[in-house]
Protein backbone atom coordinates (compact mmCIF):
# COMPACT_ATOMS: atom_id res chain seq x y z
CA UNK A 1 -6.83 -28.31 7.27
CA UNK A 2 -9.51 -26.79 9.09
CA UNK A 3 -7.63 -25.54 12.09
CA UNK A 4 -5.63 -24.00 9.33
CA UNK A 5 -9.13 -21.74 8.39
CA UNK A 6 -10.92 -21.62 12.27
CA UNK A 7 -11.70 -17.89 12.91
CA UNK A 8 -8.73 -17.57 15.46
CA UNK A 9 -5.70 -19.25 13.12
CA UNK A 10 -7.28 -16.48 10.15
CA UNK A 11 -7.23 -13.72 13.24
CA UNK A 12 -3.94 -14.65 14.06
CA UNK A 13 -2.84 -14.07 10.78
CA UNK A 14 -4.95 -10.85 9.88
CA UNK A 15 -4.47 -8.81 12.99
CA UNK A 16 -0.85 -8.46 13.02
CA UNK A 17 -0.87 -7.95 8.92
CA UNK A 18 -3.34 -5.07 9.28
CA UNK A 19 -0.96 -3.23 11.97
CA UNK A 20 1.84 -3.47 9.97
CA UNK A 21 0.29 -3.50 7.07
CA UNK A 22 -1.13 0.14 8.48
CA UNK A 23 1.92 1.13 8.54
CA UNK A 24 3.42 2.75 5.97
CA UNK A 25 -0.08 4.96 5.56
CA UNK A 26 0.22 5.74 9.27
CA UNK A 27 3.82 6.99 8.11
CA UNK A 28 2.42 9.17 5.43
CA UNK A 29 -0.90 9.97 7.67
CA UNK A 30 0.95 11.20 10.33
CA UNK A 31 3.10 14.06 7.55
CA UNK A 32 0.45 14.95 6.34
CA UNK A 33 -1.57 15.58 9.59
CA UNK A 34 1.46 17.43 11.60
CA UNK A 35 2.68 19.08 7.93
CA UNK A 36 -1.15 20.11 7.87
CA UNK A 37 -1.30 22.21 10.68
CA UNK A 38 1.68 23.82 10.32
CA UNK A 39 0.94 27.35 11.46
CA UNK A 40 2.14 29.36 8.18
CA UNK A 41 1.71 27.56 4.93
CA UNK A 42 0.18 25.17 6.43
CA UNK A 43 -2.75 24.21 3.24
CA UNK A 44 0.95 24.74 1.15
CA UNK A 45 2.66 21.96 2.89
CA UNK A 46 -0.31 19.81 3.05
CA UNK A 47 -0.83 19.88 -1.13
CA UNK A 48 3.34 19.22 -0.97
CA UNK A 49 3.10 16.08 0.85
CA UNK A 50 -0.31 14.97 -0.45
CA UNK A 51 1.91 15.29 -4.21
CA UNK A 52 5.31 13.61 -3.29
CA UNK A 53 3.27 10.82 -1.11
CA UNK A 54 1.76 9.71 -4.02
CA UNK A 55 4.50 9.61 -6.16
CA UNK A 56 6.42 8.11 -3.68
CA UNK A 57 3.62 5.69 -2.84
CA UNK A 58 3.69 4.88 -6.34
CA UNK A 59 7.43 3.99 -6.82
CA UNK A 60 7.54 1.80 -3.87
CA UNK A 61 4.49 0.15 -4.83
CA UNK A 62 5.71 -0.74 -8.24
CA UNK A 63 8.57 -2.81 -6.81
CA UNK A 64 7.08 -3.56 -3.28
CA UNK A 65 4.96 -6.64 -5.16
CA UNK A 66 7.95 -8.79 -5.10
CA UNK A 67 6.74 -8.92 -0.96
CA UNK A 68 3.39 -10.52 -2.58
CA UNK A 69 5.92 -13.07 -5.18
CA UNK A 70 8.05 -14.60 -2.15
CA UNK A 71 5.19 -14.67 0.14
CA UNK A 72 3.71 -17.06 -2.44
CA UNK A 73 6.22 -19.03 -3.43
CA UNK A 74 7.25 -19.34 0.29
CA UNK A 75 4.00 -20.75 1.61
CA UNK A 76 3.41 -22.67 -1.50
CA UNK A 77 6.50 -24.80 -0.56
CA UNK A 78 5.80 -25.07 2.80
CA UNK A 79 2.01 -26.19 2.15
CA UNK A 80 3.50 -29.12 -0.37
CA UNK A 81 6.44 -29.93 2.66
CA UNK A 82 9.22 -28.93 0.64
CA UNK A 83 10.39 -25.67 2.80
CA UNK A 84 14.20 -26.43 2.47
CA UNK A 85 14.14 -26.45 -1.10
CA UNK A 86 13.22 -22.67 -1.44
CA UNK A 87 15.82 -21.08 1.38
CA UNK A 88 18.40 -19.33 -1.02
CA UNK A 89 15.86 -17.96 -3.39
CA UNK A 90 14.86 -14.58 -0.89
CA UNK A 91 17.93 -13.41 -0.81
CA UNK A 92 18.26 -12.96 -4.84
CA UNK A 93 15.07 -11.54 -5.13
CA UNK A 94 16.37 -8.76 -1.98
CA UNK A 95 18.99 -8.10 -4.14
CA UNK A 96 17.19 -8.00 -7.10
CA UNK A 97 14.48 -5.28 -5.85
CA UNK A 98 17.07 -3.25 -4.33
CA UNK A 99 19.09 -2.92 -7.24
CA UNK A 100 16.28 -1.94 -9.72
CA UNK A 101 14.90 0.54 -6.51
CA UNK A 102 18.79 1.75 -6.87
CA UNK A 103 18.16 2.46 -10.78
CA UNK A 104 14.81 4.33 -10.18
CA UNK A 105 15.71 6.09 -8.10
CA UNK A 106 18.62 7.66 -9.47
CA UNK A 107 17.20 8.33 -12.73
CA UNK A 108 14.13 9.80 -11.22
CA UNK A 109 15.42 12.36 -8.68
CA UNK A 110 17.90 14.34 -11.63
CA UNK A 111 14.03 15.61 -13.26
CA UNK A 112 12.25 16.34 -9.86
CA UNK A 113 10.96 19.58 -10.69
CA UNK A 114 9.81 18.38 -14.26
CA UNK A 115 8.18 15.36 -12.74
CA UNK A 116 5.89 17.92 -10.03
CA UNK A 117 5.26 20.22 -12.55
CA UNK A 118 3.80 17.08 -14.81
CA UNK A 119 1.30 16.58 -11.47
CA UNK A 120 0.50 20.73 -11.85
CA UNK A 121 2.77 21.33 -9.16
CA UNK A 122 3.46 25.65 -9.34
CA UNK A 123 5.18 28.44 -6.88
CA UNK A 124 5.23 27.41 -3.43
CA UNK A 125 4.06 23.89 -3.72
CA UNK A 126 6.78 23.09 -6.29
CA UNK A 127 9.24 24.04 -4.35
CA UNK A 128 7.60 22.72 -0.83
CA UNK A 129 7.33 19.20 -2.89
CA UNK A 130 11.17 19.55 -4.08
CA UNK A 131 12.93 20.00 -0.76
CA UNK A 132 10.64 17.28 0.50
CA UNK A 133 11.51 14.82 -1.61
CA UNK A 134 14.96 15.37 -2.06
CA UNK A 135 14.75 13.67 1.46
CA UNK A 136 12.79 11.14 1.72
CA UNK A 137 13.61 9.44 -1.35
CA UNK A 138 16.68 7.91 0.11
CA UNK A 139 14.49 5.93 2.20
CA UNK A 140 12.71 4.05 -1.31
CA UNK A 141 15.07 1.06 -1.44
CA UNK A 142 14.83 1.13 2.83
CA UNK A 143 11.41 0.12 2.51
CA UNK A 144 11.66 -2.40 -0.23
CA UNK A 145 14.31 -4.18 1.19
CA UNK A 146 11.29 -4.22 4.81
CA UNK A 147 8.24 -5.32 2.40
CA UNK A 148 11.04 -8.12 0.76
CA UNK A 149 11.47 -8.94 4.93
CA UNK A 150 7.38 -8.83 5.67
CA UNK A 151 7.27 -11.35 2.09
CA UNK A 152 9.32 -14.19 4.11
CA UNK A 153 7.57 -13.73 7.25
CA UNK A 154 4.66 -14.17 5.74
CA UNK A 155 5.82 -16.85 3.54
CA UNK A 156 6.79 -18.51 6.76
CA UNK A 157 2.83 -18.12 8.53
CA UNK A 158 4.24 -15.54 10.54
CA UNK A 159 2.98 -11.55 10.74
CA UNK A 160 4.30 -10.84 13.93
CA UNK A 161 7.32 -9.73 13.79
CA UNK A 162 6.88 -7.58 10.60
CA UNK A 163 3.74 -6.41 13.64
CA UNK A 164 6.35 -5.66 16.01
CA UNK A 165 8.56 -4.13 13.25
CA UNK A 166 5.72 -1.53 11.92
CA UNK A 167 4.90 -0.97 15.10
CA UNK A 168 8.28 0.53 16.17
CA UNK A 169 8.72 2.03 12.68
CA UNK A 170 5.23 3.94 13.28
CA UNK A 171 5.94 5.38 17.26
CA UNK A 172 9.45 6.45 16.14
CA UNK A 173 8.19 8.49 13.44
CA UNK A 174 5.39 10.13 15.49
CA UNK A 175 7.59 11.15 17.83
CA UNK A 176 10.15 12.58 15.33
CA UNK A 177 7.46 13.83 13.48
CA UNK A 178 6.81 16.13 16.66
CA UNK A 179 10.18 16.97 17.24
CA UNK A 180 11.02 17.75 14.14
CA UNK A 181 8.47 19.63 12.59
CA UNK A 182 7.65 21.90 15.46
CA UNK A 183 10.75 21.51 17.24
CA UNK A 184 11.55 21.89 20.77
CA UNK A 185 12.50 24.67 22.53
CA UNK A 186 16.07 25.11 22.94
CA UNK A 187 17.12 21.67 21.71
CA UNK A 188 15.77 21.51 17.87
CA UNK A 189 14.72 24.06 15.58
CA UNK A 190 11.27 23.86 14.24
CA UNK A 191 12.08 22.65 10.38
CA UNK A 192 8.56 21.91 8.90
CA UNK A 193 8.27 20.19 6.06
CA UNK A 194 11.78 19.32 5.91
CA UNK A 195 11.27 18.19 9.43
CA UNK A 196 8.41 15.63 8.12
CA UNK A 197 10.60 14.38 5.72
CA UNK A 198 13.78 13.51 7.83
CA UNK A 199 11.30 11.66 10.49
CA UNK A 200 10.48 9.64 8.14
CA UNK A 201 13.38 8.83 6.80
CA UNK A 202 15.08 7.69 10.36
CA UNK A 203 12.21 6.00 10.77
CA UNK A 204 12.76 3.90 7.64
CA UNK A 205 16.30 3.42 8.74
CA UNK A 206 15.48 2.04 12.32
CA UNK A 207 12.69 -0.43 10.28
CA UNK A 208 15.45 -1.49 8.03
CA UNK A 209 17.84 -2.18 10.65
CA UNK A 210 15.29 -4.45 12.60
CA UNK A 211 14.14 -6.11 9.85
CA UNK A 212 17.85 -7.47 8.93
CA UNK A 213 18.49 -8.62 12.47
CA UNK A 214 15.20 -10.39 13.12
CA UNK A 215 14.92 -12.28 9.64
CA UNK A 216 18.85 -13.61 10.63
CA UNK A 217 17.61 -14.27 14.38
CA UNK A 218 13.89 -15.06 13.81
CA UNK A 219 14.14 -18.09 10.49
CA UNK A 220 16.43 -20.29 9.02
CA UNK A 221 16.45 -18.41 5.75
CA UNK A 222 19.74 -17.35 4.25
CA UNK A 223 20.63 -14.21 3.24
CA UNK A 224 23.88 -15.99 1.87
CA UNK A 225 24.25 -15.20 -2.13
CA UNK A 226 25.03 -18.16 -4.15
CA UNK A 227 26.33 -17.47 -7.57
CA UNK A 228 24.40 -20.50 -8.81
CA UNK A 229 20.66 -18.72 -9.80
CA UNK A 230 17.84 -20.43 -7.48
CA UNK A 231 15.64 -22.35 -10.11
CA UNK A 232 12.50 -20.99 -9.05
CA UNK A 233 14.00 -17.17 -9.85
CA UNK A 234 12.24 -17.30 -13.38
CA UNK A 235 9.34 -17.93 -11.85
CA UNK A 236 9.81 -15.06 -9.28
CA UNK A 237 10.58 -12.96 -12.10
CA UNK A 238 7.27 -13.59 -13.75
CA UNK A 239 5.23 -13.08 -11.41
CA UNK A 240 6.94 -9.65 -10.16
CA UNK A 241 6.80 -8.44 -13.85
CA UNK A 242 3.58 -9.30 -14.46
CA UNK A 243 2.41 -7.59 -10.79
CA UNK A 244 4.69 -4.27 -12.18
CA UNK A 245 2.75 -4.09 -14.82
CA UNK A 246 -0.47 -4.36 -12.49
CA UNK A 247 1.38 -1.33 -9.96
CA UNK A 248 2.01 0.59 -13.03
CA UNK A 249 -1.43 0.72 -14.12
CA UNK A 250 -2.92 1.33 -10.64
CA UNK A 251 -0.28 4.16 -9.66
CA UNK A 252 -2.23 5.50 -13.27
CA UNK A 253 -5.04 5.54 -11.32
CA UNK A 254 -3.57 7.59 -8.56
CA UNK A 255 -1.24 9.57 -10.02
CA UNK A 256 -4.19 11.05 -12.58
CA UNK A 257 -6.74 11.34 -10.03
CA UNK A 258 -3.92 13.85 -8.19
CA UNK A 259 -3.08 15.26 -11.33
CA UNK A 260 -7.04 16.28 -11.90
CA UNK A 261 -7.11 17.33 -8.30
CA UNK A 262 -3.88 19.57 -8.35
CA UNK A 263 -5.34 21.12 -11.47
CA UNK A 264 -8.63 22.24 -9.90
CA UNK A 265 -6.32 24.47 -6.90
CA UNK A 266 -4.56 24.10 -3.60
CA UNK A 267 -8.11 23.68 -1.28
CA UNK A 268 -8.90 21.15 -3.75
CA UNK A 269 -5.58 18.80 -3.90
CA UNK A 270 -5.24 19.49 0.16
CA UNK A 271 -8.74 18.17 0.79
CA UNK A 272 -8.33 15.15 -2.12
CA UNK A 273 -5.08 14.60 0.17
CA UNK A 274 -7.14 13.66 3.63
CA UNK A 275 -9.17 11.64 1.09
CA UNK A 276 -6.37 9.74 -0.36
CA UNK A 277 -4.69 8.97 2.68
CA UNK A 278 -7.81 7.29 4.49
CA UNK A 279 -8.46 5.57 1.86
CA UNK A 280 -5.33 4.29 1.89
CA UNK A 281 -5.77 3.56 5.41
CA UNK A 282 -8.72 1.98 5.02
CA UNK A 283 -7.61 -0.51 2.40
CA UNK A 284 -4.72 -1.36 4.42
CA UNK A 285 -7.00 -2.22 7.02
CA UNK A 286 -8.97 -4.35 5.14
CA UNK A 287 -6.13 -6.00 3.14
CA UNK A 288 -5.04 -7.64 6.70
CA UNK A 289 -7.44 -10.36 5.42
CA UNK A 290 -6.03 -10.37 2.10
CA UNK A 291 -2.73 -10.98 4.18
CA UNK A 292 -4.20 -13.85 5.75
CA UNK A 293 -5.39 -14.76 2.34
CA UNK A 294 -2.26 -14.83 0.50
CA UNK A 295 -0.60 -16.73 2.79
CA UNK A 296 -3.04 -19.24 3.89
CA UNK A 297 -4.30 -19.59 -0.18
CA UNK A 298 -0.47 -20.35 -1.01
CA UNK A 299 -0.09 -22.42 1.35
CA UNK A 300 -3.61 -24.64 0.54
CA UNK A 301 -2.32 -24.40 -3.41
CA UNK A 302 0.93 -26.34 -2.56
CA UNK A 303 -0.81 -28.95 -0.82
CA UNK A 304 -3.81 -28.93 -3.55
CA UNK A 305 -6.71 -28.85 -0.86
CA UNK A 306 -9.06 -27.35 -3.11
CA UNK A 307 -11.98 -28.03 -1.14
CA UNK A 308 -10.68 -25.84 2.19
CA UNK A 309 -9.26 -23.35 -0.03
CA UNK A 310 -12.68 -22.28 -1.58
CA UNK A 311 -14.19 -22.58 2.51
CA UNK A 312 -11.12 -20.20 3.46
CA UNK A 313 -12.14 -17.76 0.52
CA UNK A 314 -15.45 -17.48 1.66
CA UNK A 315 -14.50 -16.91 5.61
CA UNK A 316 -11.74 -14.35 4.91
CA UNK A 317 -14.04 -12.45 2.11
CA UNK A 318 -16.75 -11.88 4.60
CA UNK A 319 -14.33 -11.21 7.49
CA UNK A 320 -13.43 -8.44 5.05
CA UNK A 321 -16.61 -6.97 4.80
CA UNK A 322 -17.40 -7.25 8.04
CA UNK A 323 -14.57 -4.80 9.01
CA UNK A 324 -15.33 -2.54 6.11
CA UNK A 325 -18.73 -1.79 7.13
CA UNK A 326 -17.12 -1.19 10.78
CA UNK A 327 -14.80 1.32 9.19
CA UNK A 328 -17.89 2.93 6.87
CA UNK A 329 -20.50 3.23 10.04
CA UNK A 330 -17.23 5.24 11.71
CA UNK A 331 -16.12 7.32 9.07
CA UNK A 332 -20.23 8.06 8.46
CA UNK A 333 -20.15 8.85 12.36
CA UNK A 334 -16.91 11.06 12.27
CA UNK A 335 -16.10 12.36 8.78
CA UNK A 336 -15.63 16.12 10.24
CA UNK A 337 -13.74 14.71 12.93
CA UNK A 338 -11.60 13.07 10.48
CA UNK A 339 -10.90 15.90 8.25
CA UNK A 340 -10.07 18.48 11.33
CA UNK A 341 -7.09 15.87 12.17
CA UNK A 342 -5.58 17.10 8.76
CA UNK A 343 -6.35 20.67 8.58
CA UNK A 344 -7.70 23.56 9.99
CA UNK A 345 -8.18 24.95 7.06
CA UNK A 346 -12.22 25.88 6.52
CA UNK A 347 -12.47 25.98 2.79
CA UNK A 348 -10.32 22.24 2.41
CA UNK A 349 -12.82 20.77 5.25
CA UNK A 350 -15.56 22.04 3.22
CA UNK A 351 -14.62 20.44 -0.08
CA UNK A 352 -13.62 17.09 1.58
CA UNK A 353 -16.62 16.67 3.46
CA UNK A 354 -19.07 17.29 0.01
CA UNK A 355 -17.32 14.39 -1.52
CA UNK A 356 -16.31 11.87 1.42
CA UNK A 357 -19.48 9.86 1.37
CA UNK A 358 -18.72 8.52 -1.40
CA UNK A 359 -15.57 7.17 -0.03
CA UNK A 360 -17.22 5.90 2.50
CA UNK A 361 -20.10 4.23 0.28
CA UNK A 362 -17.36 2.00 -1.31
CA UNK A 363 -15.72 0.45 1.19
CA UNK A 364 -17.35 -3.02 1.21
CA UNK A 365 -17.14 -3.48 -2.19
CA UNK A 366 -13.44 -2.01 -1.97
CA UNK A 367 -12.98 -4.97 0.56
CA UNK A 368 -13.73 -7.74 -2.23
CA UNK A 369 -10.97 -6.00 -3.97
CA UNK A 370 -8.62 -5.96 -1.23
CA UNK A 371 -9.02 -9.63 -0.45
CA UNK A 372 -9.61 -11.53 -3.40
CA UNK A 373 -5.84 -9.29 -4.44
CA UNK A 374 -4.16 -10.95 -1.37
CA UNK A 375 -5.84 -14.34 -2.43
CA UNK A 376 -4.60 -14.65 -6.12
CA UNK A 377 -1.41 -13.49 -5.03
CA UNK A 378 -1.27 -16.40 -2.78
CA UNK A 379 -2.26 -18.75 -5.77
CA UNK A 380 -0.22 -17.21 -8.09
CA UNK A 381 -2.58 -15.65 -10.76
CA UNK A 382 -0.53 -12.65 -10.99
CA UNK A 383 -1.14 -12.71 -14.83
CA UNK A 384 -4.69 -12.24 -14.31
CA UNK A 385 -4.33 -9.90 -11.77
CA UNK A 386 -2.39 -8.19 -14.32
CA UNK A 387 -5.12 -7.90 -16.99
CA UNK A 388 -8.09 -6.51 -14.64
CA UNK A 389 -5.56 -3.62 -13.40
CA UNK A 390 -5.15 -2.96 -17.19
CA UNK A 391 -8.80 -3.68 -17.90
CA UNK A 392 -10.32 -1.87 -14.58
CA UNK A 393 -8.19 1.27 -15.43
CA UNK A 394 -8.65 1.95 -18.88
CA UNK A 395 -11.68 0.56 -19.88
CA UNK A 396 -13.06 1.88 -16.09
CA UNK A 397 -11.64 4.04 -14.19
CA UNK A 398 -10.30 6.11 -17.61
CA UNK A 399 -13.59 6.86 -19.44
CA UNK A 400 -15.26 7.63 -16.22
CA UNK A 401 -12.96 9.82 -15.48
CA UNK A 402 -12.96 11.79 -18.72
CA UNK A 403 -17.09 11.90 -18.72
CA UNK A 404 -16.95 13.16 -15.29
CA UNK A 405 -15.03 16.12 -16.07
CA UNK A 406 -16.26 17.00 -19.05
CA UNK A 407 -19.21 17.12 -16.63
CA UNK A 408 -17.66 19.55 -14.22
CA UNK A 409 -17.91 17.11 -11.14
CA UNK A 410 -15.20 18.10 -9.54
CA UNK A 411 -13.39 16.01 -6.96
CA UNK A 412 -16.75 14.34 -6.75
CA UNK A 413 -16.12 12.82 -10.25
CA UNK A 414 -12.72 11.70 -9.15
CA UNK A 415 -14.07 9.88 -6.77
CA UNK A 416 -16.69 8.11 -8.77
CA UNK A 417 -14.09 7.29 -11.17
CA UNK A 418 -12.07 5.85 -8.36
CA UNK A 419 -14.81 4.04 -7.50
CA UNK A 420 -15.84 2.41 -11.15
CA UNK A 421 -11.98 1.38 -10.91
CA UNK A 422 -12.89 -0.96 -7.78
CA UNK A 423 -15.91 -2.29 -8.43
CA UNK A 424 -14.78 -3.30 -12.01
CA UNK A 425 -11.91 -5.24 -9.82
CA UNK A 426 -14.16 -6.91 -7.37
CA UNK A 427 -17.01 -8.71 -9.88
CA UNK A 428 -13.55 -9.59 -12.28
CA UNK A 429 -11.77 -11.38 -9.20
CA UNK A 430 -15.27 -13.00 -8.07
CA UNK A 431 -16.40 -14.34 -11.67
CA UNK A 432 -12.61 -15.72 -11.95
CA UNK A 433 -12.54 -17.61 -8.49
CA UNK A 434 -15.99 -19.60 -9.33
CA UNK A 435 -14.82 -20.11 -12.92
CA UNK A 436 -11.39 -22.17 -11.84
CA UNK A 437 -11.31 -22.62 -8.32
CA UNK A 438 -14.93 -24.03 -7.26
CA UNK A 439 -14.93 -26.79 -10.06
CA UNK A 440 -11.47 -27.85 -8.39
CA UNK A 441 -12.87 -28.53 -5.07
CA UNK A 442 -15.69 -30.40 -6.04
């Protein structure tokens, strides 16, 4: 198994996973950057994209955890040499995922005004939130379908095709953003904020079509539904349920952060939106090694090769930390330029540069949490991941947020609370791995 965890093989999986992983934050960041530079009401539009983007990310990532579950189960069967026994599970998993997403969509759409008011949106920002959400939300089931297909490819140790799909989606979204937001003289009238929403939706449709075609042509996985439930569907639902709860806790953190930033004022939520877009970009970049750990961890667990599993875990974490340090150095040198990509409003930029150093300092710690999450998902440790997020959110983030709010530290306090949240997650994963898996390797 040494060739499986070689530098070459880890990066063969990680680099395409990085590229496909950053597709979603790039799609969102593209909207943010282009909308933030609309000549009229750019700051209000930027605030609306931040609020809606956070809410949609919550919905998507709560349900998209099935990607990791599908990947883990398939990779474990691959490692055990029993891949033929799992080929009919993905179709049932995808149907469950999309069905649940449609139910959530139907339930939330009638109450979008109340939802965004709860997040402290008001006036013109609230109006923009509603118009933007009404278009973008219809891409929600499509995103979940694409993520499920990505999970199938990952379980089969293939991150190349998800990368291709993601690249095509990103390029299409960027081109459509410029065309629809700013318009093309004599061809398309400027649609401003709604143009960004349509650009994202069309890109999601394109990615869904490509995903369906490639999974049918490039794998032996069947998407035909069978009446008899697969024996692994119970484990799939339990693991998905654990990650569902975990994602709710995760998104409680992100949504409370957005709520606090919005309550401070339009310029503050705009600055927070820039920071969270960059934080997500860094997270998904580092998470490429988490994806490699997820794929290889499941395979090695299936083969019961615990010694190689421990070596792989150390290697992947080191690579993730190195990448995080490189990203931190880049962000430190070009923090003002990064802010200018998203907004030219000087007040927004002053607020952003005032606290962004906190985001940068925490990147190596974040790397341990992101990579560890991926590995633990591959190992099927979804119950522990659930408990870690619940503990870090309610015993780490929330108390810190309340204390810093009392001290009136504004966005500094919000990001200090997020940093505590990440630190607790990282430490908890290290302790669990040392206690359970290192003894098995001896």
